[in-house]
Every structure is written in C-alpha cells, then in structure tokens.
N, C-alpha and C. Protein backbone atom coordinates (compact mmCIF):
# COMPACT_ATOMS: atom_id res chain seq x y z
N MET A 1 -11.23 13.62 -13.89
CA MET A 1 -11.54 12.94 -12.62
C MET A 1 -10.94 11.55 -12.64
N SER A 2 -10.14 11.21 -11.62
CA SER A 2 -9.47 9.92 -11.60
C SER A 2 -10.44 8.81 -11.26
N GLU A 3 -10.19 7.63 -11.82
CA GLU A 3 -11.04 6.49 -11.57
C GLU A 3 -10.81 5.98 -10.15
N LYS A 4 -11.89 5.57 -9.50
CA LYS A 4 -11.78 5.09 -8.13
C LYS A 4 -10.98 3.80 -8.09
N LYS A 5 -10.05 3.74 -7.15
CA LYS A 5 -9.24 2.54 -7.01
C LYS A 5 -10.01 1.45 -6.26
N ARG A 6 -9.76 0.22 -6.64
CA ARG A 6 -10.34 -0.92 -5.93
C ARG A 6 -9.68 -1.00 -4.56
N GLY A 7 -10.50 -1.25 -3.55
CA GLY A 7 -9.97 -1.41 -2.21
C GLY A 7 -9.21 -2.72 -2.07
N ALA A 8 -8.41 -2.80 -1.04
CA ALA A 8 -7.69 -4.04 -0.74
C ALA A 8 -8.62 -5.01 -0.03
N PHE A 9 -8.33 -6.29 -0.18
CA PHE A 9 -9.09 -7.33 0.52
C PHE A 9 -8.08 -8.27 1.17
N ILE A 10 -8.01 -8.21 2.49
CA ILE A 10 -7.04 -8.97 3.27
C ILE A 10 -7.77 -9.92 4.20
N ALA A 11 -7.42 -11.20 4.17
CA ALA A 11 -8.02 -12.19 5.05
C ALA A 11 -6.97 -12.70 6.04
N PHE A 12 -7.41 -12.93 7.27
CA PHE A 12 -6.54 -13.51 8.29
C PHE A 12 -7.02 -14.91 8.63
N GLU A 13 -6.09 -15.83 8.73
CA GLU A 13 -6.39 -17.20 9.09
C GLU A 13 -5.47 -17.62 10.23
N GLY A 14 -5.84 -18.70 10.89
CA GLY A 14 -5.03 -19.26 11.97
C GLY A 14 -5.89 -20.08 12.89
N ILE A 15 -5.31 -21.06 13.53
CA ILE A 15 -6.08 -21.86 14.46
C ILE A 15 -6.43 -21.02 15.68
N ASP A 16 -7.41 -21.46 16.44
CA ASP A 16 -7.82 -20.70 17.62
C ASP A 16 -6.64 -20.49 18.56
N GLY A 17 -6.55 -19.28 19.12
CA GLY A 17 -5.47 -18.95 20.01
C GLY A 17 -4.20 -18.49 19.32
N SER A 18 -4.26 -18.36 18.00
CA SER A 18 -3.06 -17.95 17.26
C SER A 18 -2.78 -16.46 17.40
N GLY A 19 -3.79 -15.70 17.82
CA GLY A 19 -3.60 -14.26 17.99
C GLY A 19 -4.05 -13.43 16.80
N LYS A 20 -4.76 -14.05 15.85
CA LYS A 20 -5.15 -13.30 14.65
C LYS A 20 -6.13 -12.18 14.98
N GLY A 21 -6.99 -12.38 15.98
CA GLY A 21 -7.92 -11.32 16.36
C GLY A 21 -7.19 -10.09 16.85
N THR A 22 -6.15 -10.29 17.65
CA THR A 22 -5.33 -9.17 18.13
C THR A 22 -4.65 -8.46 16.96
N GLN A 23 -4.14 -9.23 16.01
CA GLN A 23 -3.45 -8.64 14.87
C GLN A 23 -4.40 -7.85 13.98
N ILE A 24 -5.62 -8.33 13.82
CA ILE A 24 -6.62 -7.60 13.04
C ILE A 24 -6.93 -6.26 13.72
N ARG A 25 -7.13 -6.29 15.03
CA ARG A 25 -7.43 -5.05 15.76
C ARG A 25 -6.28 -4.05 15.66
N LEU A 26 -5.05 -4.52 15.82
CA LEU A 26 -3.91 -3.63 15.73
C LEU A 26 -3.76 -3.02 14.34
N LEU A 27 -3.96 -3.86 13.31
CA LEU A 27 -3.84 -3.36 11.94
C LEU A 27 -4.96 -2.37 11.62
N LYS A 28 -6.17 -2.68 12.02
CA LYS A 28 -7.31 -1.79 11.75
C LYS A 28 -7.11 -0.44 12.45
N LYS A 29 -6.65 -0.47 13.70
CA LYS A 29 -6.40 0.78 14.45
C LYS A 29 -5.35 1.62 13.73
N TYR A 30 -4.27 0.99 13.30
CA TYR A 30 -3.21 1.71 12.61
C TYR A 30 -3.72 2.34 11.31
N LEU A 31 -4.46 1.57 10.53
CA LEU A 31 -4.94 2.06 9.24
C LEU A 31 -5.94 3.20 9.41
N GLU A 32 -6.81 3.08 10.40
CA GLU A 32 -7.77 4.16 10.66
C GLU A 32 -7.05 5.44 11.06
N GLU A 33 -6.03 5.31 11.90
CA GLU A 33 -5.27 6.49 12.32
C GLU A 33 -4.51 7.11 11.16
N GLU A 34 -4.15 6.30 10.17
CA GLU A 34 -3.42 6.79 9.00
C GLU A 34 -4.36 7.29 7.89
N GLY A 35 -5.67 7.22 8.12
CA GLY A 35 -6.62 7.78 7.18
C GLY A 35 -7.08 6.84 6.07
N TYR A 36 -6.86 5.55 6.23
CA TYR A 36 -7.34 4.59 5.23
C TYR A 36 -8.81 4.25 5.49
N PRO A 37 -9.65 4.21 4.45
CA PRO A 37 -11.03 3.75 4.64
C PRO A 37 -11.03 2.24 4.87
N ILE A 38 -11.56 1.80 6.02
CA ILE A 38 -11.46 0.40 6.42
C ILE A 38 -12.83 -0.14 6.80
N PHE A 39 -13.13 -1.34 6.32
CA PHE A 39 -14.31 -2.09 6.77
C PHE A 39 -13.81 -3.41 7.33
N GLY A 40 -14.07 -3.63 8.62
CA GLY A 40 -13.69 -4.89 9.25
C GLY A 40 -14.91 -5.77 9.42
N THR A 41 -14.77 -7.04 9.13
CA THR A 41 -15.91 -7.94 9.22
C THR A 41 -15.45 -9.30 9.73
N MET A 42 -16.40 -10.06 10.23
CA MET A 42 -16.10 -11.37 10.80
C MET A 42 -16.92 -12.44 10.09
N GLU A 43 -16.51 -13.67 10.24
CA GLU A 43 -17.27 -14.77 9.68
C GLU A 43 -17.41 -15.85 10.76
N PRO A 44 -18.58 -16.43 10.94
CA PRO A 44 -19.82 -16.22 10.19
C PRO A 44 -20.42 -14.85 10.47
N ASN A 45 -21.27 -14.38 9.51
CA ASN A 45 -21.92 -13.10 9.71
C ASN A 45 -23.24 -13.30 10.46
N ASP A 46 -24.08 -12.26 10.49
CA ASP A 46 -25.31 -12.34 11.29
C ASP A 46 -26.52 -12.75 10.46
N SER A 47 -26.29 -13.37 9.31
CA SER A 47 -27.40 -13.88 8.50
C SER A 47 -28.04 -15.08 9.19
N PRO A 48 -29.23 -15.52 8.75
CA PRO A 48 -29.82 -16.74 9.33
C PRO A 48 -28.87 -17.94 9.27
N THR A 49 -28.15 -18.07 8.16
CA THR A 49 -27.19 -19.17 8.06
C THR A 49 -26.07 -18.99 9.06
N GLY A 50 -25.57 -17.76 9.17
CA GLY A 50 -24.52 -17.49 10.13
C GLY A 50 -24.96 -17.78 11.56
N SER A 51 -26.20 -17.43 11.89
CA SER A 51 -26.73 -17.70 13.22
C SER A 51 -26.81 -19.20 13.49
N LEU A 52 -27.20 -19.96 12.47
CA LEU A 52 -27.25 -21.41 12.60
C LEU A 52 -25.85 -21.98 12.83
N ILE A 53 -24.87 -21.46 12.11
CA ILE A 53 -23.49 -21.91 12.29
C ILE A 53 -23.03 -21.66 13.73
N HIS A 54 -23.38 -20.50 14.27
CA HIS A 54 -23.02 -20.20 15.65
C HIS A 54 -23.63 -21.24 16.60
N GLN A 55 -24.87 -21.59 16.36
CA GLN A 55 -25.53 -22.59 17.20
C GLN A 55 -24.84 -23.94 17.10
N ILE A 56 -24.39 -24.29 15.92
CA ILE A 56 -23.66 -25.55 15.73
C ILE A 56 -22.32 -25.50 16.45
N MET A 57 -21.63 -24.38 16.34
CA MET A 57 -20.29 -24.26 16.91
C MET A 57 -20.30 -24.33 18.43
N ILE A 58 -21.38 -23.92 19.06
CA ILE A 58 -21.43 -24.00 20.53
C ILE A 58 -22.15 -25.25 21.00
N GLY A 59 -22.51 -26.12 20.06
CA GLY A 59 -23.05 -27.42 20.43
C GLY A 59 -24.55 -27.49 20.63
N ARG A 60 -25.29 -26.43 20.34
CA ARG A 60 -26.74 -26.45 20.54
C ARG A 60 -27.48 -27.15 19.40
N VAL A 61 -26.85 -27.18 18.24
CA VAL A 61 -27.42 -27.88 17.08
C VAL A 61 -26.39 -28.89 16.60
N LYS A 62 -26.81 -30.14 16.42
CA LYS A 62 -25.91 -31.19 15.98
C LYS A 62 -26.17 -31.52 14.51
N THR A 63 -25.10 -31.67 13.75
CA THR A 63 -25.24 -32.08 12.35
C THR A 63 -23.91 -32.67 11.89
N THR A 64 -23.85 -33.06 10.64
CA THR A 64 -22.65 -33.71 10.11
C THR A 64 -21.66 -32.68 9.56
N ASN A 65 -20.42 -33.12 9.40
CA ASN A 65 -19.38 -32.21 8.93
C ASN A 65 -19.64 -31.70 7.52
N ASP A 66 -20.18 -32.55 6.64
CA ASP A 66 -20.41 -32.08 5.28
C ASP A 66 -21.50 -31.01 5.25
N VAL A 67 -22.50 -31.12 6.12
CA VAL A 67 -23.52 -30.07 6.21
C VAL A 67 -22.92 -28.78 6.75
N ILE A 68 -22.05 -28.89 7.76
CA ILE A 68 -21.41 -27.71 8.32
C ILE A 68 -20.58 -26.99 7.24
N ALA A 69 -19.82 -27.77 6.46
CA ALA A 69 -19.00 -27.17 5.41
C ALA A 69 -19.86 -26.45 4.39
N ALA A 70 -20.98 -27.07 3.99
CA ALA A 70 -21.88 -26.44 3.02
C ALA A 70 -22.48 -25.15 3.59
N LEU A 71 -22.81 -25.15 4.88
CA LEU A 71 -23.36 -23.95 5.52
C LEU A 71 -22.34 -22.82 5.51
N PHE A 72 -21.07 -23.16 5.76
CA PHE A 72 -20.04 -22.13 5.72
C PHE A 72 -19.97 -21.49 4.33
N VAL A 73 -20.06 -22.30 3.29
CA VAL A 73 -20.02 -21.75 1.93
C VAL A 73 -21.22 -20.84 1.69
N ALA A 74 -22.41 -21.27 2.11
CA ALA A 74 -23.61 -20.45 1.93
C ALA A 74 -23.48 -19.12 2.68
N ASP A 75 -22.96 -19.19 3.90
CA ASP A 75 -22.78 -17.97 4.68
C ASP A 75 -21.76 -17.05 4.01
N ARG A 76 -20.71 -17.63 3.49
CA ARG A 76 -19.68 -16.81 2.85
C ARG A 76 -20.20 -16.15 1.58
N LEU A 77 -21.03 -16.84 0.83
CA LEU A 77 -21.61 -16.23 -0.37
C LEU A 77 -22.40 -14.98 -0.01
N ASP A 78 -23.18 -15.06 1.07
CA ASP A 78 -23.89 -13.86 1.53
C ASP A 78 -22.91 -12.81 2.03
N HIS A 79 -21.86 -13.27 2.69
CA HIS A 79 -20.83 -12.38 3.19
C HIS A 79 -20.20 -11.57 2.06
N ILE A 80 -20.09 -12.18 0.90
CA ILE A 80 -19.53 -11.52 -0.27
C ILE A 80 -20.55 -10.59 -0.94
N GLN A 81 -21.76 -11.08 -1.11
CA GLN A 81 -22.73 -10.45 -2.00
C GLN A 81 -23.71 -9.51 -1.33
N ASN A 82 -23.83 -9.55 -0.02
CA ASN A 82 -24.86 -8.79 0.67
C ASN A 82 -24.87 -7.33 0.25
N ASP A 83 -26.05 -6.80 -0.07
CA ASP A 83 -26.16 -5.43 -0.58
C ASP A 83 -25.74 -4.38 0.43
N THR A 84 -25.89 -4.68 1.71
CA THR A 84 -25.59 -3.70 2.76
C THR A 84 -24.15 -3.79 3.24
N ASN A 85 -23.70 -4.99 3.58
CA ASN A 85 -22.37 -5.12 4.18
C ASN A 85 -21.53 -6.20 3.51
N GLY A 86 -21.77 -6.41 2.23
CA GLY A 86 -21.01 -7.42 1.51
C GLY A 86 -19.58 -6.97 1.19
N ILE A 87 -18.66 -7.92 1.28
CA ILE A 87 -17.25 -7.63 1.02
C ILE A 87 -17.05 -7.05 -0.38
N LEU A 88 -17.68 -7.66 -1.37
CA LEU A 88 -17.48 -7.23 -2.76
C LEU A 88 -17.87 -5.78 -2.96
N LYS A 89 -19.00 -5.36 -2.38
CA LYS A 89 -19.48 -3.98 -2.51
C LYS A 89 -18.45 -3.00 -1.96
N PHE A 90 -17.92 -3.29 -0.76
CA PHE A 90 -16.96 -2.37 -0.15
C PHE A 90 -15.68 -2.28 -0.96
N VAL A 91 -15.18 -3.43 -1.41
CA VAL A 91 -13.93 -3.44 -2.19
C VAL A 91 -14.11 -2.66 -3.48
N GLN A 92 -15.24 -2.87 -4.16
CA GLN A 92 -15.50 -2.16 -5.42
C GLN A 92 -15.67 -0.66 -5.20
N ASP A 93 -16.13 -0.27 -4.01
CA ASP A 93 -16.30 1.15 -3.69
C ASP A 93 -15.02 1.80 -3.19
N GLY A 94 -13.92 1.07 -3.23
CA GLY A 94 -12.64 1.64 -2.84
C GLY A 94 -12.35 1.59 -1.35
N VAL A 95 -13.15 0.80 -0.61
CA VAL A 95 -12.91 0.64 0.82
C VAL A 95 -12.05 -0.61 1.03
N ASN A 96 -11.07 -0.51 1.91
CA ASN A 96 -10.22 -1.65 2.23
C ASN A 96 -10.95 -2.57 3.21
N VAL A 97 -10.92 -3.86 2.95
CA VAL A 97 -11.64 -4.83 3.78
C VAL A 97 -10.65 -5.77 4.46
N ILE A 98 -10.84 -5.93 5.77
CA ILE A 98 -10.10 -6.91 6.55
C ILE A 98 -11.11 -7.88 7.13
N THR A 99 -10.87 -9.17 6.97
CA THR A 99 -11.79 -10.14 7.52
C THR A 99 -11.06 -11.25 8.26
N ASP A 100 -11.71 -11.77 9.28
CA ASP A 100 -11.19 -12.90 10.05
C ASP A 100 -11.76 -14.18 9.45
N ARG A 101 -10.92 -14.96 8.81
CA ARG A 101 -11.29 -16.20 8.14
C ARG A 101 -12.08 -15.90 6.87
N PHE A 102 -11.73 -16.65 5.84
CA PHE A 102 -12.47 -16.47 4.58
C PHE A 102 -12.48 -17.74 3.76
N TYR A 103 -11.53 -17.87 2.87
CA TYR A 103 -11.59 -18.95 1.89
C TYR A 103 -11.44 -20.33 2.50
N PHE A 104 -10.66 -20.45 3.57
CA PHE A 104 -10.34 -21.76 4.11
C PHE A 104 -11.22 -22.19 5.27
N SER A 105 -12.12 -21.34 5.74
CA SER A 105 -12.74 -21.61 7.03
C SER A 105 -13.80 -22.70 7.02
N SER A 106 -14.17 -23.22 5.87
CA SER A 106 -15.14 -24.31 5.85
C SER A 106 -14.65 -25.51 6.65
N TYR A 107 -13.35 -25.73 6.66
CA TYR A 107 -12.84 -26.87 7.40
C TYR A 107 -12.05 -26.46 8.63
N ALA A 108 -11.93 -25.16 8.89
CA ALA A 108 -11.04 -24.70 9.94
C ALA A 108 -11.49 -25.15 11.33
N TYR A 109 -12.76 -25.53 11.47
CA TYR A 109 -13.24 -26.00 12.75
C TYR A 109 -13.83 -27.40 12.64
N GLN A 110 -15.14 -27.48 12.58
CA GLN A 110 -15.79 -28.77 12.65
C GLN A 110 -15.52 -29.68 11.45
N SER A 111 -15.25 -29.11 10.30
CA SER A 111 -15.31 -29.89 9.07
C SER A 111 -13.98 -30.51 8.66
N VAL A 112 -13.14 -30.83 9.61
CA VAL A 112 -11.85 -31.40 9.25
C VAL A 112 -11.96 -32.80 8.65
N ASP A 113 -13.11 -33.43 8.77
CA ASP A 113 -13.28 -34.77 8.20
C ASP A 113 -13.77 -34.74 6.76
N VAL A 114 -14.08 -33.57 6.24
CA VAL A 114 -14.53 -33.44 4.86
C VAL A 114 -13.30 -33.45 3.95
N PRO A 115 -13.32 -34.22 2.85
CA PRO A 115 -12.16 -34.26 1.95
C PRO A 115 -11.78 -32.87 1.45
N MET A 116 -10.48 -32.60 1.42
CA MET A 116 -10.00 -31.28 1.02
C MET A 116 -10.43 -30.90 -0.39
N ASP A 117 -10.42 -31.85 -1.31
CA ASP A 117 -10.82 -31.52 -2.68
C ASP A 117 -12.27 -31.06 -2.73
N TRP A 118 -13.12 -31.63 -1.89
CA TRP A 118 -14.53 -31.20 -1.83
C TRP A 118 -14.60 -29.77 -1.30
N ILE A 119 -13.82 -29.49 -0.25
CA ILE A 119 -13.79 -28.15 0.32
C ILE A 119 -13.38 -27.12 -0.73
N ILE A 120 -12.34 -27.43 -1.50
CA ILE A 120 -11.84 -26.49 -2.49
C ILE A 120 -12.86 -26.28 -3.60
N ARG A 121 -13.51 -27.34 -4.04
CA ARG A 121 -14.55 -27.19 -5.09
C ARG A 121 -15.69 -26.32 -4.59
N ALA A 122 -16.12 -26.55 -3.35
CA ALA A 122 -17.22 -25.75 -2.80
C ALA A 122 -16.82 -24.29 -2.67
N ASN A 123 -15.61 -24.05 -2.21
CA ASN A 123 -15.15 -22.68 -2.04
C ASN A 123 -14.90 -21.97 -3.37
N SER A 124 -14.75 -22.72 -4.45
CA SER A 124 -14.51 -22.08 -5.74
C SER A 124 -15.68 -21.19 -6.15
N LEU A 125 -16.89 -21.47 -5.64
CA LEU A 125 -18.05 -20.62 -5.91
C LEU A 125 -17.79 -19.20 -5.41
N CYS A 126 -17.12 -19.10 -4.27
CA CYS A 126 -16.81 -17.79 -3.70
C CYS A 126 -15.58 -17.19 -4.37
N ALA A 127 -14.59 -18.03 -4.63
CA ALA A 127 -13.34 -17.53 -5.19
C ALA A 127 -13.53 -16.94 -6.58
N ARG A 128 -14.55 -17.42 -7.32
CA ARG A 128 -14.81 -16.86 -8.65
C ARG A 128 -15.23 -15.40 -8.56
N GLN A 129 -15.81 -15.01 -7.44
CA GLN A 129 -16.29 -13.64 -7.28
C GLN A 129 -15.19 -12.72 -6.75
N ILE A 130 -14.47 -13.18 -5.76
CA ILE A 130 -13.40 -12.36 -5.19
C ILE A 130 -12.47 -13.25 -4.39
N ARG A 131 -11.19 -12.97 -4.51
CA ARG A 131 -10.18 -13.65 -3.70
C ARG A 131 -9.45 -12.60 -2.87
N PRO A 132 -8.97 -12.98 -1.70
CA PRO A 132 -8.14 -12.02 -0.95
C PRO A 132 -6.88 -11.66 -1.73
N ASP A 133 -6.49 -10.39 -1.66
CA ASP A 133 -5.20 -10.00 -2.23
C ASP A 133 -4.08 -10.77 -1.56
N VAL A 134 -4.21 -10.94 -0.27
CA VAL A 134 -3.25 -11.76 0.48
C VAL A 134 -3.98 -12.34 1.69
N THR A 135 -3.67 -13.59 1.99
CA THR A 135 -4.15 -14.24 3.20
C THR A 135 -2.98 -14.32 4.17
N ILE A 136 -3.17 -13.74 5.35
CA ILE A 136 -2.14 -13.78 6.39
C ILE A 136 -2.46 -14.95 7.32
N PHE A 137 -1.55 -15.91 7.38
CA PHE A 137 -1.74 -17.05 8.27
C PHE A 137 -0.81 -16.88 9.46
N ILE A 138 -1.41 -16.66 10.64
CA ILE A 138 -0.64 -16.52 11.87
C ILE A 138 -0.38 -17.92 12.42
N ASP A 139 0.86 -18.35 12.34
CA ASP A 139 1.19 -19.73 12.67
C ASP A 139 1.79 -19.83 14.07
N VAL A 140 1.13 -20.61 14.93
CA VAL A 140 1.59 -20.84 16.29
C VAL A 140 1.40 -22.32 16.60
N ASP A 141 2.31 -22.88 17.36
CA ASP A 141 2.20 -24.29 17.74
C ASP A 141 0.87 -24.55 18.45
N PRO A 142 0.16 -25.61 18.05
CA PRO A 142 -1.16 -25.89 18.66
C PRO A 142 -1.13 -26.02 20.18
N LYS A 143 -0.04 -26.52 20.76
CA LYS A 143 0.03 -26.63 22.22
C LYS A 143 0.06 -25.24 22.87
N VAL A 144 0.73 -24.31 22.21
CA VAL A 144 0.77 -22.94 22.71
C VAL A 144 -0.62 -22.30 22.63
N THR A 145 -1.30 -22.51 21.50
CA THR A 145 -2.63 -21.92 21.36
C THR A 145 -3.60 -22.54 22.35
N MET A 146 -3.46 -23.84 22.63
CA MET A 146 -4.34 -24.47 23.61
C MET A 146 -4.14 -23.86 24.98
N LYS A 147 -2.88 -23.57 25.34
CA LYS A 147 -2.59 -22.92 26.62
C LYS A 147 -3.22 -21.54 26.66
N ARG A 148 -3.13 -20.79 25.55
CA ARG A 148 -3.74 -19.47 25.50
C ARG A 148 -5.25 -19.55 25.69
N ILE A 149 -5.86 -20.53 25.04
CA ILE A 149 -7.31 -20.71 25.15
C ILE A 149 -7.70 -21.00 26.60
N GLU A 150 -6.96 -21.90 27.23
CA GLU A 150 -7.29 -22.27 28.61
C GLU A 150 -7.08 -21.13 29.59
N GLU A 151 -6.10 -20.28 29.31
CA GLU A 151 -5.80 -19.18 30.23
C GLU A 151 -6.72 -17.97 30.05
N ASN A 152 -7.27 -17.80 28.85
CA ASN A 152 -7.97 -16.56 28.55
C ASN A 152 -9.47 -16.70 28.32
N ARG A 153 -10.01 -17.91 28.43
CA ARG A 153 -11.45 -18.07 28.19
C ARG A 153 -12.12 -18.75 29.38
N MET A 154 -13.33 -18.30 29.68
CA MET A 154 -14.10 -18.92 30.75
C MET A 154 -14.56 -20.32 30.35
N THR A 155 -14.90 -20.48 29.10
CA THR A 155 -15.36 -21.78 28.61
C THR A 155 -14.63 -22.11 27.33
N ARG A 156 -14.56 -23.40 27.00
CA ARG A 156 -13.94 -23.85 25.76
C ARG A 156 -15.00 -24.55 24.92
N GLU A 157 -15.05 -24.16 23.63
CA GLU A 157 -15.96 -24.84 22.73
C GLU A 157 -15.49 -26.27 22.55
N LEU A 158 -16.38 -27.15 22.16
CA LEU A 158 -16.09 -28.58 22.10
C LEU A 158 -14.94 -28.90 21.15
N PHE A 159 -14.82 -28.12 20.08
CA PHE A 159 -13.81 -28.45 19.09
C PHE A 159 -12.43 -27.95 19.47
N GLU A 160 -12.31 -27.19 20.53
CA GLU A 160 -11.02 -26.62 20.89
C GLU A 160 -10.24 -27.58 21.77
N GLU A 161 -9.68 -28.59 21.14
CA GLU A 161 -8.84 -29.57 21.80
C GLU A 161 -7.53 -29.64 21.03
N THR A 162 -6.45 -29.98 21.72
CA THR A 162 -5.14 -29.91 21.08
C THR A 162 -5.07 -30.77 19.83
N ASP A 163 -5.63 -32.00 19.89
CA ASP A 163 -5.56 -32.86 18.70
C ASP A 163 -6.34 -32.27 17.54
N ARG A 164 -7.45 -31.59 17.82
CA ARG A 164 -8.23 -30.96 16.76
C ARG A 164 -7.45 -29.77 16.18
N LEU A 165 -6.77 -29.02 17.04
CA LEU A 165 -5.98 -27.89 16.55
C LEU A 165 -4.81 -28.37 15.69
N VAL A 166 -4.19 -29.47 16.08
CA VAL A 166 -3.10 -30.04 15.28
C VAL A 166 -3.62 -30.44 13.91
N GLU A 167 -4.78 -31.09 13.89
CA GLU A 167 -5.36 -31.53 12.62
C GLU A 167 -5.76 -30.33 11.76
N THR A 168 -6.34 -29.33 12.40
CA THR A 168 -6.75 -28.14 11.65
C THR A 168 -5.55 -27.44 11.03
N ARG A 169 -4.47 -27.29 11.80
CA ARG A 169 -3.27 -26.66 11.26
C ARG A 169 -2.73 -27.45 10.07
N SER A 170 -2.72 -28.76 10.16
CA SER A 170 -2.21 -29.56 9.04
C SER A 170 -3.10 -29.42 7.82
N ARG A 171 -4.40 -29.25 8.01
CA ARG A 171 -5.31 -29.08 6.89
C ARG A 171 -5.10 -27.73 6.20
N TYR A 172 -4.79 -26.71 7.01
CA TYR A 172 -4.45 -25.42 6.40
C TYR A 172 -3.28 -25.59 5.44
N PHE A 173 -2.23 -26.23 5.91
CA PHE A 173 -1.05 -26.37 5.07
C PHE A 173 -1.31 -27.27 3.86
N GLU A 174 -2.20 -28.22 4.01
CA GLU A 174 -2.61 -29.02 2.85
C GLU A 174 -3.29 -28.13 1.81
N ALA A 175 -4.17 -27.25 2.28
CA ALA A 175 -4.85 -26.32 1.36
C ALA A 175 -3.87 -25.36 0.72
N PHE A 176 -2.93 -24.84 1.52
CA PHE A 176 -1.94 -23.91 0.98
C PHE A 176 -1.14 -24.56 -0.14
N GLU A 177 -0.80 -25.83 0.04
CA GLU A 177 -0.03 -26.53 -0.98
C GLU A 177 -0.86 -26.75 -2.24
N LYS A 178 -2.11 -27.17 -2.07
CA LYS A 178 -2.97 -27.44 -3.23
C LYS A 178 -3.30 -26.17 -4.01
N LEU A 179 -3.36 -25.03 -3.32
CA LEU A 179 -3.80 -23.78 -3.94
C LEU A 179 -2.66 -22.78 -4.14
N LYS A 180 -1.43 -23.25 -4.09
CA LYS A 180 -0.30 -22.33 -4.11
C LYS A 180 -0.19 -21.53 -5.39
N GLU A 181 -0.78 -22.02 -6.49
CA GLU A 181 -0.74 -21.27 -7.74
C GLU A 181 -1.87 -20.24 -7.83
N GLU A 182 -2.84 -20.33 -6.93
CA GLU A 182 -4.02 -19.47 -7.00
C GLU A 182 -4.14 -18.49 -5.84
N GLU A 183 -3.65 -18.86 -4.69
CA GLU A 183 -3.81 -18.04 -3.49
C GLU A 183 -2.47 -17.47 -3.04
N HIS A 184 -2.47 -16.21 -2.63
CA HIS A 184 -1.27 -15.57 -2.10
C HIS A 184 -1.35 -15.64 -0.58
N VAL A 185 -0.62 -16.57 0.00
CA VAL A 185 -0.63 -16.78 1.44
C VAL A 185 0.73 -16.39 2.02
N VAL A 186 0.70 -15.58 3.06
CA VAL A 186 1.91 -15.21 3.78
C VAL A 186 1.82 -15.82 5.17
N ILE A 187 2.78 -16.66 5.52
CA ILE A 187 2.80 -17.33 6.83
C ILE A 187 3.70 -16.54 7.76
N ILE A 188 3.13 -16.13 8.89
CA ILE A 188 3.84 -15.28 9.85
C ILE A 188 3.96 -16.00 11.19
N ASP A 189 5.13 -15.97 11.76
CA ASP A 189 5.38 -16.61 13.04
C ASP A 189 4.67 -15.82 14.14
N GLY A 190 3.67 -16.44 14.76
CA GLY A 190 2.89 -15.76 15.78
C GLY A 190 3.40 -15.97 17.19
N ALA A 191 4.49 -16.71 17.36
CA ALA A 191 4.99 -17.03 18.70
C ALA A 191 5.95 -15.95 19.20
N ARG A 192 5.55 -14.69 19.04
CA ARG A 192 6.34 -13.56 19.50
C ARG A 192 5.40 -12.56 20.14
N THR A 193 5.91 -11.39 20.50
CA THR A 193 5.01 -10.39 21.08
C THR A 193 4.05 -9.90 20.00
N PRO A 194 2.86 -9.44 20.40
CA PRO A 194 1.91 -8.91 19.40
C PRO A 194 2.51 -7.79 18.56
N GLU A 195 3.35 -6.97 19.17
CA GLU A 195 3.95 -5.84 18.45
C GLU A 195 4.93 -6.34 17.38
N GLU A 196 5.69 -7.37 17.71
CA GLU A 196 6.62 -7.93 16.73
C GLU A 196 5.88 -8.58 15.57
N VAL A 197 4.82 -9.30 15.89
CA VAL A 197 4.02 -9.93 14.84
C VAL A 197 3.38 -8.87 13.96
N GLN A 198 2.90 -7.78 14.58
CA GLN A 198 2.25 -6.72 13.83
C GLN A 198 3.19 -6.07 12.83
N GLN A 199 4.45 -5.98 13.16
CA GLN A 199 5.41 -5.41 12.21
C GLN A 199 5.43 -6.23 10.92
N ASP A 200 5.42 -7.55 11.05
CA ASP A 200 5.41 -8.41 9.87
C ASP A 200 4.07 -8.34 9.14
N VAL A 201 2.98 -8.23 9.91
CA VAL A 201 1.65 -8.11 9.30
C VAL A 201 1.59 -6.85 8.44
N GLN A 202 2.04 -5.74 8.98
CA GLN A 202 2.00 -4.49 8.23
C GLN A 202 2.90 -4.54 6.99
N ALA A 203 4.07 -5.13 7.14
CA ALA A 203 4.98 -5.24 6.00
C ALA A 203 4.35 -6.04 4.87
N ALA A 204 3.55 -7.06 5.22
CA ALA A 204 2.94 -7.93 4.21
C ALA A 204 1.68 -7.35 3.59
N THR A 205 1.01 -6.43 4.30
CA THR A 205 -0.30 -5.96 3.83
C THR A 205 -0.34 -4.52 3.35
N LEU A 206 0.48 -3.64 3.90
CA LEU A 206 0.39 -2.20 3.57
C LEU A 206 0.51 -1.90 2.06
N PRO A 207 1.31 -2.65 1.29
CA PRO A 207 1.37 -2.34 -0.13
C PRO A 207 0.04 -2.47 -0.87
N TYR A 208 -0.93 -3.15 -0.28
CA TYR A 208 -2.21 -3.38 -0.97
C TYR A 208 -3.27 -2.33 -0.66
N PHE A 209 -3.13 -1.62 0.46
CA PHE A 209 -4.18 -0.70 0.88
C PHE A 209 -4.18 0.59 0.08
N VAL A 210 -5.36 1.15 -0.13
CA VAL A 210 -5.50 2.40 -0.85
C VAL A 210 -6.18 3.43 0.03
N LYS A 211 -5.86 4.71 -0.23
CA LYS A 211 -6.51 5.82 0.51
C LYS A 211 -7.54 6.47 -0.37
C-alpha cells in the first residue's frame, strides 16, 4: 500500500482589486474538474477572532495597528490548527489547499504602520508549522485596482484608498525581499484578461498538486 502523499498548499496574495479572488475560483474550478481533491479557504476565518477582525475591517471596532496585526496571527494559528477545517489537517490528509492571503496578511490591510521585522517575527509562529509551497502574488498597479474597486463595489472599506494600496504593495515587496531565502513567491502580472493570468497561475501551481 503506497504512502499517502502530502497535499499541496498554495497561497494567493495581492492588494485589493488585483483579481486574486477570480484567479482562485478559476483554479479551483479547473482542479475540481480534473479530479484533484481541493479545499478552498479564506482568511480571516469564522472563529471569534476572525469575526472580531471583520468588525475592525469594516470600521465597527476601533483599535491600533499592532493589535490588529496580533489578531491576524492568532486567527491564522487557528486557521492552521483547527481540528475541523484547519489547513494543516487537510494538507497532511493529502488534500490540496488553496487560500486567499496567508503569511503576509498581517500587514496587508490596516497594519501597514507596524514594523516589518515585527510582522515577520510574529508570523514565524505560523511558518514553523506550515509554509505555502508557493505564494502567488497577483501584481496590478494600485490605480488600476482602485478603479476596479470603485466600479465593482457598492461600498468601499475605509482602508481602500489609492495611497494605502500603494503602501501595501510596497510592503509586500519589502517582505518578499526579506524572506526571499525562505518563501517561494511567484509574481504574476495581473493587468491582463483573467484567462491570460490563469494560464500563468496554472503553470506556477500545477506541479505541486496531487491526486
């Protein structure tokens, strides 16, 4: 009897409006049709901490950036370890996992004022347990993503402003540079049709998935 293969773990990152949600849906649909066992998950999750983060993100609860960053780490730890829907459990059981935001998301929104070294130290608690096989960063100019946000949403969250998106994108690249020896990040040009972007997404991720 052959030993069960470890599932793939793929994370998608990108500033709001980059199109990563569309790319996740397209990839998940393709993999399901091809017979791959897939678990798709989002962050924050539906834990009490995740619910609090949602309240903060829509402006109903006010707090400081360092508290927000710490909450993201706490939510992610549950996201990894949860007995029912934890990422680690699925990957160990041979299920391929795709998630929207993972290692870098502590600062991807509100927490851009928290020092990057602090963010990386906090996230190391999660990285010791599991790291994505590859992180796909869908890169689009912040002005383009702001236009997409304005055209496709009824309301805009407070943090979705062009200057905040510019800062967030720069922080991603700061993290990529600091962690280049530890994290496998593939940067994909998102300023094309969803189908064209998906071709690059599949080329970068399919070698990791198991049936």
